[in-house]
């Protein structure tokens, strides 16, 4: 079983990018992690809407469920329905997963491992960081910047393979969440390091 570990001057690696809801880290930057939502969870703070174009060409922004209801009722001719429906499903699937993960962390593990909602997702090695960069960049032209961080705080190692909630059913999803927070390693591990504390960007890796 993995343990929460206190670290001093520990080197970790992180994939950083600039998007509408976050700014990439810069060399020499100091960051404090753990007191606010991280960009991953902060993404859900932004309302998600889809356009309804009326007959007078005016546009009304609808929430995702109302949008799909209007499509189903024939009130909207969606140009990219399959893409929109997949995006909406992934959005709520991920949000439900993260609420479940946090519930299990707080109620069954005394809130000791760093929260996925406020932590920095990092890697123990550069090779691990390159794996995540490749995985997260797949299907797009976006390539992240890998940075080296010198960290002081708390870390927890976990296997992201357990982060599944797609169709296994609630009991199975809960069991997977418990395995994640116990630090169990699956047959095909995708390891990640959850960090809270203070860090400095000491190198940008080419």
N, C-alpha and C. Protein backbone atom coordinates (compact mmCIF):
# COMPACT_ATOMS: atom_id res chain seq x y z
N UNK A 1 0.85 -1.19 0.00
CA UNK A 1 0.00 0.00 0.00
C UNK A 1 0.88 1.24 0.00
N UNK A 2 0.59 2.16 -0.90
CA UNK A 2 1.38 3.39 -0.98
C UNK A 2 1.09 4.28 0.22
N UNK A 3 2.10 5.02 0.63
CA UNK A 3 1.96 5.93 1.75
C UNK A 3 2.13 7.37 1.27
N UNK A 4 1.49 8.28 1.98
CA UNK A 4 1.74 9.69 1.76
C UNK A 4 3.14 9.99 2.27
N UNK A 5 3.92 10.70 1.46
CA UNK A 5 5.33 10.94 1.80
C UNK A 5 5.64 12.43 1.83
N UNK A 6 6.31 12.86 2.88
CA UNK A 6 6.80 14.23 2.95
C UNK A 6 8.15 14.30 2.24
N UNK A 7 8.33 15.34 1.41
CA UNK A 7 9.55 15.44 0.62
C UNK A 7 10.16 16.84 0.77
N UNK A 8 11.47 16.90 0.63
CA UNK A 8 12.20 18.16 0.61
C UNK A 8 13.15 18.16 -0.58
N UNK A 9 13.10 19.21 -1.35
CA UNK A 9 13.96 19.38 -2.52
C UNK A 9 13.88 18.19 -3.47
N UNK A 10 12.71 17.61 -3.57
CA UNK A 10 12.53 16.46 -4.46
C UNK A 10 12.30 16.93 -5.88
N UNK A 11 12.96 16.28 -6.83
CA UNK A 11 12.79 16.61 -8.24
C UNK A 11 11.60 15.82 -8.81
N UNK A 12 10.64 16.54 -9.35
CA UNK A 12 9.51 15.95 -10.06
C UNK A 12 9.41 16.60 -11.43
N UNK A 13 8.64 15.99 -12.31
CA UNK A 13 8.45 16.52 -13.66
C UNK A 13 6.97 16.73 -13.92
N UNK A 14 6.67 17.73 -14.74
CA UNK A 14 5.28 18.12 -14.96
C UNK A 14 5.10 18.57 -16.41
N UNK A 15 3.97 18.19 -16.99
CA UNK A 15 3.61 18.65 -18.33
C UNK A 15 2.77 19.91 -18.18
N UNK A 16 3.21 21.00 -18.78
CA UNK A 16 2.50 22.26 -18.64
C UNK A 16 2.14 22.83 -20.02
N UNK A 17 0.95 23.40 -20.13
CA UNK A 17 0.48 24.00 -21.39
C UNK A 17 -0.32 25.26 -21.06
N UNK A 18 -0.46 26.12 -22.05
CA UNK A 18 -1.33 27.29 -21.91
C UNK A 18 -2.65 27.02 -22.61
N UNK A 19 -3.74 27.24 -21.89
CA UNK A 19 -5.08 27.12 -22.45
C UNK A 19 -5.90 28.30 -21.94
N UNK A 20 -7.17 28.32 -22.31
CA UNK A 20 -8.01 29.46 -21.92
C UNK A 20 -8.16 29.57 -20.41
N UNK A 21 -8.00 28.46 -19.71
CA UNK A 21 -8.23 28.46 -18.27
C UNK A 21 -6.94 28.26 -17.46
N UNK A 22 -5.78 28.29 -18.11
CA UNK A 22 -4.53 28.16 -17.37
C UNK A 22 -3.37 28.67 -18.21
N UNK A 23 -2.27 29.00 -17.53
CA UNK A 23 -1.06 29.51 -18.17
C UNK A 23 0.09 28.57 -17.88
N UNK A 24 0.89 28.28 -18.87
CA UNK A 24 2.02 27.37 -18.69
C UNK A 24 3.03 27.94 -17.70
N UNK A 25 3.69 27.06 -16.97
CA UNK A 25 4.74 27.47 -16.05
C UNK A 25 5.92 28.06 -16.82
N UNK A 26 6.66 28.95 -16.15
CA UNK A 26 7.85 29.55 -16.72
C UNK A 26 9.06 29.21 -15.86
N UNK A 27 10.23 29.23 -16.47
CA UNK A 27 11.47 28.93 -15.77
C UNK A 27 11.65 29.89 -14.59
N UNK A 28 11.97 29.34 -13.43
CA UNK A 28 12.18 30.15 -12.24
C UNK A 28 10.93 30.46 -11.46
N UNK A 29 9.78 30.12 -11.99
CA UNK A 29 8.52 30.42 -11.32
C UNK A 29 8.34 29.59 -10.07
N UNK A 30 7.87 30.21 -9.02
CA UNK A 30 7.52 29.49 -7.81
C UNK A 30 6.02 29.34 -7.71
N UNK A 31 5.56 28.19 -7.29
CA UNK A 31 4.12 27.93 -7.22
C UNK A 31 3.78 27.28 -5.88
N UNK A 32 2.60 27.64 -5.35
CA UNK A 32 2.07 27.02 -4.15
C UNK A 32 0.86 26.19 -4.56
N UNK A 33 0.89 24.93 -4.20
CA UNK A 33 -0.13 23.99 -4.64
C UNK A 33 -0.91 23.45 -3.44
N UNK A 34 -2.24 23.41 -3.57
CA UNK A 34 -3.05 22.73 -2.57
C UNK A 34 -4.15 23.54 -1.94
N UNK A 35 -4.15 24.86 -2.15
CA UNK A 35 -5.16 25.69 -1.49
C UNK A 35 -6.34 26.06 -2.40
N UNK A 36 -6.22 25.80 -3.67
CA UNK A 36 -7.28 26.14 -4.64
C UNK A 36 -7.39 25.05 -5.68
N UNK A 37 -8.50 25.05 -6.41
CA UNK A 37 -8.66 24.08 -7.48
C UNK A 37 -7.52 24.19 -8.49
N UNK A 38 -7.00 23.04 -8.88
CA UNK A 38 -5.99 23.04 -9.94
C UNK A 38 -6.67 23.28 -11.29
N UNK A 39 -5.89 23.59 -12.34
CA UNK A 39 -6.50 23.85 -13.65
C UNK A 39 -7.35 22.69 -14.17
N UNK A 40 -6.93 21.45 -13.87
CA UNK A 40 -7.70 20.29 -14.32
C UNK A 40 -9.13 20.34 -13.79
N UNK A 41 -9.28 20.57 -12.49
CA UNK A 41 -10.63 20.63 -11.93
C UNK A 41 -11.26 22.00 -12.13
N UNK A 42 -10.43 23.03 -12.17
CA UNK A 42 -10.94 24.37 -12.42
C UNK A 42 -11.62 24.50 -13.77
N UNK A 43 -11.27 23.62 -14.69
CA UNK A 43 -11.93 23.59 -16.01
C UNK A 43 -13.44 23.48 -15.87
N UNK A 44 -13.90 22.79 -14.83
CA UNK A 44 -15.33 22.58 -14.64
C UNK A 44 -16.02 23.82 -14.07
N UNK A 45 -15.25 24.81 -13.65
CA UNK A 45 -15.85 26.05 -13.16
C UNK A 45 -16.49 26.85 -14.29
N UNK A 46 -16.00 26.67 -15.49
CA UNK A 46 -16.50 27.42 -16.63
C UNK A 46 -17.78 26.78 -17.16
N UNK A 47 -18.88 27.53 -17.24
CA UNK A 47 -20.13 26.96 -17.77
C UNK A 47 -19.95 26.43 -19.19
N UNK A 48 -20.54 25.29 -19.46
CA UNK A 48 -20.48 24.69 -20.80
C UNK A 48 -21.81 24.92 -21.49
N UNK A 49 -21.79 25.57 -22.64
CA UNK A 49 -23.02 25.86 -23.37
C UNK A 49 -22.86 25.52 -24.84
N UNK A 50 -24.01 25.38 -25.49
CA UNK A 50 -24.06 25.07 -26.93
C UNK A 50 -25.08 26.00 -27.59
N UNK A 51 -24.83 26.43 -28.83
CA UNK A 51 -25.67 27.46 -29.44
C UNK A 51 -26.97 26.93 -30.03
N UNK A 52 -28.06 27.65 -29.74
CA UNK A 52 -29.34 27.45 -30.41
C UNK A 52 -29.56 28.65 -31.32
N UNK A 53 -29.57 28.41 -32.64
CA UNK A 53 -29.78 29.49 -33.61
C UNK A 53 -31.28 29.55 -33.93
N UNK A 54 -31.90 30.68 -33.62
CA UNK A 54 -33.33 30.83 -33.84
C UNK A 54 -33.61 31.27 -35.28
N UNK A 55 -34.90 31.28 -35.64
CA UNK A 55 -35.28 31.61 -37.01
C UNK A 55 -34.89 33.03 -37.40
N UNK A 56 -34.86 33.93 -36.41
CA UNK A 56 -34.45 35.30 -36.72
C UNK A 56 -32.93 35.45 -36.70
N UNK A 57 -32.23 34.30 -36.62
CA UNK A 57 -30.76 34.21 -36.63
C UNK A 57 -30.14 34.64 -35.31
N UNK A 58 -30.95 34.95 -34.30
CA UNK A 58 -30.39 35.24 -32.99
C UNK A 58 -29.90 33.92 -32.38
N UNK A 59 -28.96 34.04 -31.48
CA UNK A 59 -28.34 32.84 -30.90
C UNK A 59 -28.54 32.83 -29.39
N UNK A 60 -29.01 31.71 -28.89
CA UNK A 60 -29.15 31.51 -27.45
C UNK A 60 -28.24 30.37 -27.03
N UNK A 61 -27.50 30.57 -25.95
CA UNK A 61 -26.61 29.53 -25.45
C UNK A 61 -27.35 28.64 -24.46
N UNK A 62 -27.36 27.34 -24.72
CA UNK A 62 -28.06 26.39 -23.87
C UNK A 62 -27.08 25.50 -23.12
N UNK A 63 -27.47 25.10 -21.92
CA UNK A 63 -26.69 24.11 -21.19
C UNK A 63 -26.72 22.78 -21.93
N UNK A 64 -25.76 21.90 -21.67
CA UNK A 64 -25.62 20.68 -22.48
C UNK A 64 -26.83 19.75 -22.47
N UNK A 65 -27.48 19.57 -21.32
CA UNK A 65 -28.62 18.65 -21.27
C UNK A 65 -29.82 19.24 -22.00
N UNK A 66 -30.09 20.54 -21.79
CA UNK A 66 -31.18 21.19 -22.51
C UNK A 66 -30.91 21.18 -24.01
N UNK A 67 -29.65 21.37 -24.39
CA UNK A 67 -29.27 21.32 -25.80
C UNK A 67 -29.62 19.96 -26.40
N UNK A 68 -29.25 18.88 -25.72
CA UNK A 68 -29.54 17.54 -26.24
C UNK A 68 -31.05 17.26 -26.26
N UNK A 69 -31.78 17.79 -25.27
CA UNK A 69 -33.24 17.63 -25.27
C UNK A 69 -33.86 18.32 -26.47
N UNK A 70 -33.35 19.51 -26.81
CA UNK A 70 -33.87 20.24 -27.97
C UNK A 70 -33.54 19.52 -29.27
N UNK A 71 -32.37 18.90 -29.33
CA UNK A 71 -32.02 18.11 -30.51
C UNK A 71 -32.96 16.92 -30.63
N UNK A 72 -33.19 16.24 -29.51
CA UNK A 72 -34.06 15.06 -29.51
C UNK A 72 -35.49 15.42 -29.90
N UNK A 73 -35.94 16.63 -29.50
CA UNK A 73 -37.30 17.08 -29.81
C UNK A 73 -37.41 17.63 -31.23
N UNK A 74 -36.29 17.72 -31.92
CA UNK A 74 -36.31 18.24 -33.28
C UNK A 74 -36.31 19.75 -33.36
N UNK A 75 -36.00 20.41 -32.26
CA UNK A 75 -35.98 21.87 -32.23
C UNK A 75 -34.66 22.46 -32.70
N UNK A 76 -33.64 21.62 -32.78
CA UNK A 76 -32.31 22.06 -33.22
C UNK A 76 -31.79 21.11 -34.28
N UNK A 77 -31.26 21.65 -35.33
CA UNK A 77 -30.55 20.85 -36.32
C UNK A 77 -29.06 20.96 -36.00
N UNK A 78 -28.55 19.97 -35.30
CA UNK A 78 -27.15 20.01 -34.87
C UNK A 78 -26.24 19.57 -36.01
N UNK A 79 -25.24 20.39 -36.29
CA UNK A 79 -24.32 20.08 -37.39
C UNK A 79 -23.27 19.03 -37.01
N UNK A 80 -22.94 19.00 -35.73
CA UNK A 80 -21.90 18.07 -35.27
C UNK A 80 -22.41 17.32 -34.03
N UNK A 81 -23.57 16.69 -34.18
CA UNK A 81 -24.22 16.08 -33.03
C UNK A 81 -23.35 15.00 -32.39
N UNK A 82 -22.75 14.13 -33.19
CA UNK A 82 -21.96 13.03 -32.62
C UNK A 82 -20.79 13.58 -31.82
N UNK A 83 -20.14 14.61 -32.35
CA UNK A 83 -19.01 15.21 -31.63
C UNK A 83 -19.48 15.89 -30.35
N UNK A 84 -20.58 16.66 -30.44
CA UNK A 84 -21.10 17.36 -29.28
C UNK A 84 -21.55 16.38 -28.20
N UNK A 85 -22.24 15.30 -28.62
CA UNK A 85 -22.74 14.32 -27.65
C UNK A 85 -21.59 13.62 -26.95
N UNK A 86 -20.53 13.28 -27.69
CA UNK A 86 -19.37 12.65 -27.08
C UNK A 86 -18.69 13.59 -26.10
N UNK A 87 -18.57 14.85 -26.48
CA UNK A 87 -17.94 15.85 -25.61
C UNK A 87 -18.73 16.01 -24.32
N UNK A 88 -20.05 16.06 -24.43
CA UNK A 88 -20.90 16.22 -23.25
C UNK A 88 -20.79 14.99 -22.35
N UNK A 89 -20.81 13.80 -22.95
CA UNK A 89 -20.70 12.56 -22.17
C UNK A 89 -19.36 12.50 -21.44
N UNK A 90 -18.29 12.85 -22.12
CA UNK A 90 -16.97 12.83 -21.49
C UNK A 90 -16.87 13.84 -20.36
N UNK A 91 -17.48 14.99 -20.56
CA UNK A 91 -17.47 16.05 -19.54
C UNK A 91 -18.11 15.56 -18.25
N UNK A 92 -19.33 15.03 -18.34
CA UNK A 92 -20.03 14.61 -17.14
C UNK A 92 -19.45 13.31 -16.58
N UNK A 93 -18.90 12.45 -17.45
CA UNK A 93 -18.26 11.24 -16.98
C UNK A 93 -17.05 11.56 -16.11
N UNK A 94 -16.24 12.51 -16.57
CA UNK A 94 -15.06 12.90 -15.82
C UNK A 94 -15.43 13.60 -14.52
N UNK A 95 -16.43 14.47 -14.58
CA UNK A 95 -16.86 15.19 -13.38
C UNK A 95 -17.39 14.20 -12.34
N UNK A 96 -18.20 13.24 -12.76
CA UNK A 96 -18.72 12.23 -11.83
C UNK A 96 -17.59 11.41 -11.23
N UNK A 97 -16.63 11.05 -12.05
CA UNK A 97 -15.48 10.28 -11.56
C UNK A 97 -14.72 11.04 -10.48
N UNK A 98 -14.47 12.31 -10.72
CA UNK A 98 -13.69 13.09 -9.77
C UNK A 98 -14.43 13.33 -8.47
N UNK A 99 -15.74 13.50 -8.52
CA UNK A 99 -16.52 13.62 -7.28
C UNK A 99 -16.49 12.31 -6.50
N UNK A 100 -16.57 11.18 -7.22
CA UNK A 100 -16.49 9.88 -6.56
C UNK A 100 -15.12 9.68 -5.93
N UNK A 101 -14.05 10.02 -6.67
CA UNK A 101 -12.70 9.87 -6.15
C UNK A 101 -12.51 10.70 -4.89
N UNK A 102 -13.01 11.92 -4.88
CA UNK A 102 -12.87 12.79 -3.72
C UNK A 102 -13.67 12.27 -2.53
N UNK A 103 -14.86 11.76 -2.81
CA UNK A 103 -15.69 11.20 -1.73
C UNK A 103 -14.98 10.03 -1.05
N UNK A 104 -14.41 9.13 -1.83
CA UNK A 104 -13.70 7.98 -1.26
C UNK A 104 -12.45 8.43 -0.50
N UNK A 105 -11.73 9.40 -1.05
CA UNK A 105 -10.51 9.90 -0.39
C UNK A 105 -10.83 10.47 0.99
N UNK A 106 -11.90 11.27 1.06
CA UNK A 106 -12.24 11.95 2.31
C UNK A 106 -12.87 11.00 3.33
N UNK A 107 -13.79 10.15 2.89
CA UNK A 107 -14.55 9.32 3.83
C UNK A 107 -13.84 8.04 4.24
N UNK A 108 -12.98 7.50 3.38
CA UNK A 108 -12.36 6.22 3.69
C UNK A 108 -10.85 6.30 3.91
N UNK A 109 -10.23 7.41 3.52
CA UNK A 109 -8.78 7.56 3.69
C UNK A 109 -8.43 8.81 4.48
N UNK A 110 -9.41 9.30 5.23
CA UNK A 110 -9.24 10.43 6.16
C UNK A 110 -8.69 11.68 5.48
N UNK A 111 -8.86 11.77 4.18
CA UNK A 111 -8.40 12.95 3.45
C UNK A 111 -6.89 13.12 3.44
N UNK A 112 -6.15 12.05 3.73
CA UNK A 112 -4.69 12.18 3.85
C UNK A 112 -3.97 12.29 2.52
N UNK A 113 -4.28 11.48 1.51
CA UNK A 113 -3.61 11.68 0.22
C UNK A 113 -4.01 13.04 -0.36
N UNK A 114 -3.13 13.67 -1.11
CA UNK A 114 -3.49 14.95 -1.75
C UNK A 114 -4.74 14.80 -2.61
N UNK A 115 -5.59 15.80 -2.58
CA UNK A 115 -6.81 15.78 -3.38
C UNK A 115 -6.48 15.94 -4.85
N UNK A 116 -7.15 15.17 -5.69
CA UNK A 116 -7.00 15.32 -7.13
C UNK A 116 -7.54 16.67 -7.62
N UNK A 117 -8.37 17.30 -6.79
CA UNK A 117 -8.97 18.57 -7.18
C UNK A 117 -8.04 19.76 -6.94
N UNK A 118 -7.06 19.59 -6.06
CA UNK A 118 -6.18 20.71 -5.73
C UNK A 118 -4.70 20.42 -5.92
N UNK A 119 -4.35 19.18 -6.22
CA UNK A 119 -2.94 18.80 -6.34
C UNK A 119 -2.33 19.25 -7.67
N UNK A 120 -1.02 19.10 -7.76
CA UNK A 120 -0.32 19.19 -9.04
C UNK A 120 -0.05 17.77 -9.49
N UNK A 121 -0.45 17.45 -10.71
CA UNK A 121 -0.16 16.12 -11.26
C UNK A 121 1.26 16.12 -11.80
N UNK A 122 2.10 15.25 -11.27
CA UNK A 122 3.51 15.25 -11.63
C UNK A 122 3.98 13.82 -11.91
N UNK A 123 5.24 13.72 -12.27
CA UNK A 123 5.85 12.44 -12.60
C UNK A 123 7.18 12.31 -11.87
N UNK A 124 7.54 11.09 -11.52
CA UNK A 124 8.79 10.86 -10.81
C UNK A 124 10.00 10.92 -11.73
N UNK A 125 9.81 10.61 -13.00
CA UNK A 125 10.93 10.58 -13.93
C UNK A 125 10.57 11.32 -15.21
N UNK A 126 11.59 11.70 -15.96
CA UNK A 126 11.38 12.36 -17.23
C UNK A 126 10.71 11.42 -18.22
N UNK A 127 11.08 10.15 -18.19
CA UNK A 127 10.48 9.17 -19.10
C UNK A 127 8.98 9.05 -18.85
N UNK A 128 8.60 9.09 -17.58
CA UNK A 128 7.19 9.03 -17.22
C UNK A 128 6.47 10.28 -17.74
N UNK A 129 7.10 11.44 -17.61
CA UNK A 129 6.51 12.69 -18.10
C UNK A 129 6.33 12.66 -19.61
N UNK A 130 7.29 12.09 -20.31
CA UNK A 130 7.20 11.99 -21.77
C UNK A 130 6.05 11.06 -22.17
N UNK A 131 5.84 10.01 -21.40
CA UNK A 131 4.72 9.11 -21.68
C UNK A 131 3.39 9.86 -21.58
N UNK A 132 3.21 10.64 -20.49
CA UNK A 132 1.96 11.38 -20.30
C UNK A 132 1.80 12.48 -21.35
N UNK A 133 2.91 13.10 -21.74
CA UNK A 133 2.84 14.13 -22.77
C UNK A 133 2.35 13.53 -24.08
N UNK A 134 2.90 12.36 -24.42
CA UNK A 134 2.48 11.68 -25.65
C UNK A 134 1.02 11.27 -25.58
N UNK A 135 0.59 10.76 -24.44
CA UNK A 135 -0.80 10.31 -24.28
C UNK A 135 -1.77 11.47 -24.35
N UNK A 136 -1.43 12.58 -23.70
CA UNK A 136 -2.33 13.73 -23.65
C UNK A 136 -2.30 14.55 -24.93
N UNK A 137 -1.26 14.39 -25.72
CA UNK A 137 -1.16 15.12 -26.99
C UNK A 137 -1.73 14.32 -28.16
N UNK A 138 -2.06 13.06 -27.92
CA UNK A 138 -2.54 12.19 -28.99
C UNK A 138 -3.78 12.77 -29.66
N UNK A 139 -3.79 12.79 -30.98
CA UNK A 139 -4.94 13.27 -31.73
C UNK A 139 -5.00 14.76 -31.88
N UNK A 140 -3.96 15.47 -31.45
CA UNK A 140 -3.95 16.92 -31.59
C UNK A 140 -2.54 17.38 -31.95
N UNK A 141 -2.45 18.64 -32.35
CA UNK A 141 -1.14 19.22 -32.66
C UNK A 141 -0.48 19.81 -31.42
N UNK A 142 -1.19 19.77 -30.31
CA UNK A 142 -0.67 20.37 -29.09
C UNK A 142 0.41 19.50 -28.47
N UNK A 143 1.53 20.11 -28.14
CA UNK A 143 2.58 19.40 -27.43
C UNK A 143 2.90 20.20 -26.18
N UNK A 144 2.88 19.53 -25.06
CA UNK A 144 3.13 20.20 -23.81
C UNK A 144 4.59 20.54 -23.60
N UNK A 145 4.85 21.40 -22.65
CA UNK A 145 6.21 21.73 -22.22
C UNK A 145 6.49 20.91 -20.97
N UNK A 146 7.58 20.17 -20.99
CA UNK A 146 7.95 19.40 -19.82
C UNK A 146 8.88 20.25 -18.95
N UNK A 147 8.58 20.31 -17.68
CA UNK A 147 9.42 21.11 -16.80
C UNK A 147 9.85 20.29 -15.59
N UNK A 148 11.03 20.63 -15.11
CA UNK A 148 11.55 20.02 -13.89
C UNK A 148 11.19 20.92 -12.71
N UNK A 149 10.68 20.32 -11.65
CA UNK A 149 10.28 21.07 -10.46
C UNK A 149 11.07 20.59 -9.25
N UNK A 150 11.49 21.53 -8.44
CA UNK A 150 12.08 21.20 -7.14
C UNK A 150 11.00 21.42 -6.09
N UNK A 151 10.62 20.35 -5.40
CA UNK A 151 9.39 20.36 -4.61
C UNK A 151 9.63 20.13 -3.12
N UNK A 152 8.86 20.84 -2.32
CA UNK A 152 8.82 20.65 -0.87
C UNK A 152 7.36 20.52 -0.45
N UNK A 153 7.02 19.37 0.10
CA UNK A 153 5.62 19.19 0.48
C UNK A 153 5.28 17.73 0.66
N UNK A 154 4.16 17.32 0.09
CA UNK A 154 3.64 15.96 0.25
C UNK A 154 3.35 15.36 -1.12
N UNK A 155 3.72 14.09 -1.28
CA UNK A 155 3.42 13.40 -2.53
C UNK A 155 2.69 12.08 -2.24
N UNK A 156 1.99 11.63 -3.27
CA UNK A 156 1.33 10.32 -3.22
C UNK A 156 1.39 9.72 -4.61
N UNK A 157 1.88 8.49 -4.69
CA UNK A 157 1.98 7.80 -5.98
C UNK A 157 0.75 6.92 -6.19
N UNK A 158 0.18 7.01 -7.40
CA UNK A 158 -1.03 6.24 -7.68
C UNK A 158 -1.02 5.77 -9.14
N UNK A 159 -1.81 4.76 -9.39
CA UNK A 159 -1.93 4.18 -10.73
C UNK A 159 -3.22 4.69 -11.37
N UNK A 160 -3.06 5.54 -12.40
CA UNK A 160 -4.21 6.15 -13.06
C UNK A 160 -5.05 5.15 -13.85
N UNK A 161 -4.56 3.93 -14.01
CA UNK A 161 -5.36 2.92 -14.70
C UNK A 161 -6.66 2.64 -13.95
N UNK A 162 -6.67 2.90 -12.65
CA UNK A 162 -7.89 2.66 -11.85
C UNK A 162 -8.95 3.74 -12.08
N UNK A 163 -8.62 4.78 -12.81
CA UNK A 163 -9.57 5.88 -13.00
C UNK A 163 -10.57 5.55 -14.10
N UNK A 164 -11.39 4.60 -13.85
CA UNK A 164 -12.41 4.25 -14.84
C UNK A 164 -13.77 4.22 -14.16
N UNK A 165 -14.74 4.79 -14.85
CA UNK A 165 -16.09 4.87 -14.30
C UNK A 165 -17.09 4.81 -15.45
N UNK A 166 -16.64 4.29 -16.59
CA UNK A 166 -17.42 4.43 -17.82
C UNK A 166 -18.64 3.53 -17.85
N UNK A 167 -18.45 2.24 -17.60
CA UNK A 167 -19.59 1.33 -17.72
C UNK A 167 -19.48 0.16 -16.75
N UNK A 168 -18.63 0.28 -15.75
CA UNK A 168 -18.39 -0.83 -14.84
C UNK A 168 -19.48 -0.97 -13.77
N UNK A 169 -20.32 0.04 -13.61
CA UNK A 169 -21.29 0.02 -12.54
C UNK A 169 -20.72 0.68 -11.30
N UNK A 170 -21.58 1.14 -10.41
CA UNK A 170 -21.16 1.93 -9.26
C UNK A 170 -20.26 1.15 -8.32
N UNK A 171 -20.62 -0.09 -8.00
CA UNK A 171 -19.82 -0.87 -7.05
C UNK A 171 -18.41 -1.09 -7.57
N UNK A 172 -18.28 -1.39 -8.84
CA UNK A 172 -16.96 -1.60 -9.43
C UNK A 172 -16.16 -0.31 -9.46
N UNK A 173 -16.84 0.81 -9.75
CA UNK A 173 -16.16 2.10 -9.78
C UNK A 173 -15.65 2.47 -8.39
N UNK A 174 -16.43 2.18 -7.36
CA UNK A 174 -16.00 2.43 -5.98
C UNK A 174 -14.78 1.57 -5.64
N UNK A 175 -14.81 0.30 -6.06
CA UNK A 175 -13.68 -0.59 -5.80
C UNK A 175 -12.42 -0.09 -6.48
N UNK A 176 -12.56 0.44 -7.69
CA UNK A 176 -11.40 0.98 -8.40
C UNK A 176 -10.87 2.23 -7.70
N UNK A 177 -11.77 3.07 -7.19
CA UNK A 177 -11.35 4.27 -6.46
C UNK A 177 -10.57 3.87 -5.21
N UNK A 178 -11.03 2.84 -4.52
CA UNK A 178 -10.32 2.37 -3.33
C UNK A 178 -8.94 1.84 -3.69
N UNK A 179 -8.85 1.12 -4.80
CA UNK A 179 -7.55 0.60 -5.24
C UNK A 179 -6.59 1.74 -5.55
N UNK A 180 -7.11 2.79 -6.17
CA UNK A 180 -6.29 3.97 -6.48
C UNK A 180 -5.72 4.58 -5.21
N UNK A 181 -6.59 4.83 -4.22
CA UNK A 181 -6.14 5.50 -3.00
C UNK A 181 -5.34 4.58 -2.09
N UNK A 182 -5.45 3.28 -2.28
CA UNK A 182 -4.56 2.37 -1.54
C UNK A 182 -3.18 2.31 -2.18
N UNK A 183 -3.07 2.86 -3.39
CA UNK A 183 -1.79 2.82 -4.08
C UNK A 183 -1.51 1.49 -4.76
N UNK A 184 -2.55 0.71 -5.03
CA UNK A 184 -2.36 -0.57 -5.70
C UNK A 184 -1.92 -0.35 -7.14
N UNK A 185 -1.11 -1.26 -7.64
CA UNK A 185 -0.61 -1.17 -9.01
C UNK A 185 -1.28 -2.25 -9.85
N UNK A 186 -1.89 -1.86 -10.96
CA UNK A 186 -2.61 -2.78 -11.83
C UNK A 186 -1.63 -3.55 -12.72
N UNK A 187 -2.18 -4.41 -13.56
CA UNK A 187 -1.34 -5.18 -14.48
C UNK A 187 -0.72 -4.29 -15.56
N UNK A 188 -1.38 -3.18 -15.86
CA UNK A 188 -0.88 -2.25 -16.87
C UNK A 188 -0.85 -0.84 -16.27
N UNK A 189 0.11 -0.58 -15.40
CA UNK A 189 0.10 0.68 -14.64
C UNK A 189 0.40 1.91 -15.48
N UNK A 190 -0.26 3.01 -15.10
CA UNK A 190 0.03 4.34 -15.61
C UNK A 190 0.23 5.22 -14.38
N UNK A 191 1.45 5.27 -13.90
CA UNK A 191 1.72 5.89 -12.62
C UNK A 191 1.74 7.42 -12.71
N UNK A 192 1.21 8.04 -11.67
CA UNK A 192 1.23 9.49 -11.55
C UNK A 192 1.52 9.86 -10.10
N UNK A 193 2.06 11.06 -9.91
CA UNK A 193 2.40 11.56 -8.58
C UNK A 193 1.54 12.77 -8.27
N UNK A 194 0.82 12.71 -7.16
CA UNK A 194 0.01 13.84 -6.72
C UNK A 194 0.83 14.64 -5.69
N UNK A 195 0.99 15.93 -5.93
CA UNK A 195 1.85 16.76 -5.08
C UNK A 195 1.08 17.96 -4.55
N UNK A 196 1.27 18.27 -3.27
CA UNK A 196 0.84 19.55 -2.72
C UNK A 196 2.01 20.14 -1.92
N UNK A 197 2.14 21.44 -1.97
CA UNK A 197 3.24 22.09 -1.28
C UNK A 197 3.75 23.26 -2.10
N UNK A 198 5.05 23.51 -2.02
CA UNK A 198 5.68 24.59 -2.78
C UNK A 198 6.70 24.02 -3.74
N UNK A 199 6.73 24.57 -4.94
CA UNK A 199 7.64 24.07 -5.97
C UNK A 199 8.22 25.23 -6.76
N UNK A 200 9.40 25.01 -7.32
CA UNK A 200 10.04 25.98 -8.18
C UNK A 200 10.38 25.31 -9.50
N UNK A 201 10.09 26.00 -10.59
CA UNK A 201 10.43 25.47 -11.92
C UNK A 201 11.93 25.68 -12.13
N UNK A 202 12.69 24.60 -12.07
CA UNK A 202 14.15 24.70 -12.14
C UNK A 202 14.71 24.39 -13.53
N UNK A 203 13.90 23.84 -14.40
CA UNK A 203 14.38 23.56 -15.77
C UNK A 203 13.20 23.32 -16.70
N UNK A 204 13.31 23.80 -17.93
CA UNK A 204 12.38 23.44 -18.99
C UNK A 204 13.07 22.44 -19.88
N UNK A 205 12.44 21.30 -20.07
CA UNK A 205 13.08 20.19 -20.77
C UNK A 205 12.74 20.23 -22.25
N UNK A 206 13.73 20.25 -23.11
CA UNK A 206 13.52 20.27 -24.56
C UNK A 206 13.13 18.89 -25.04
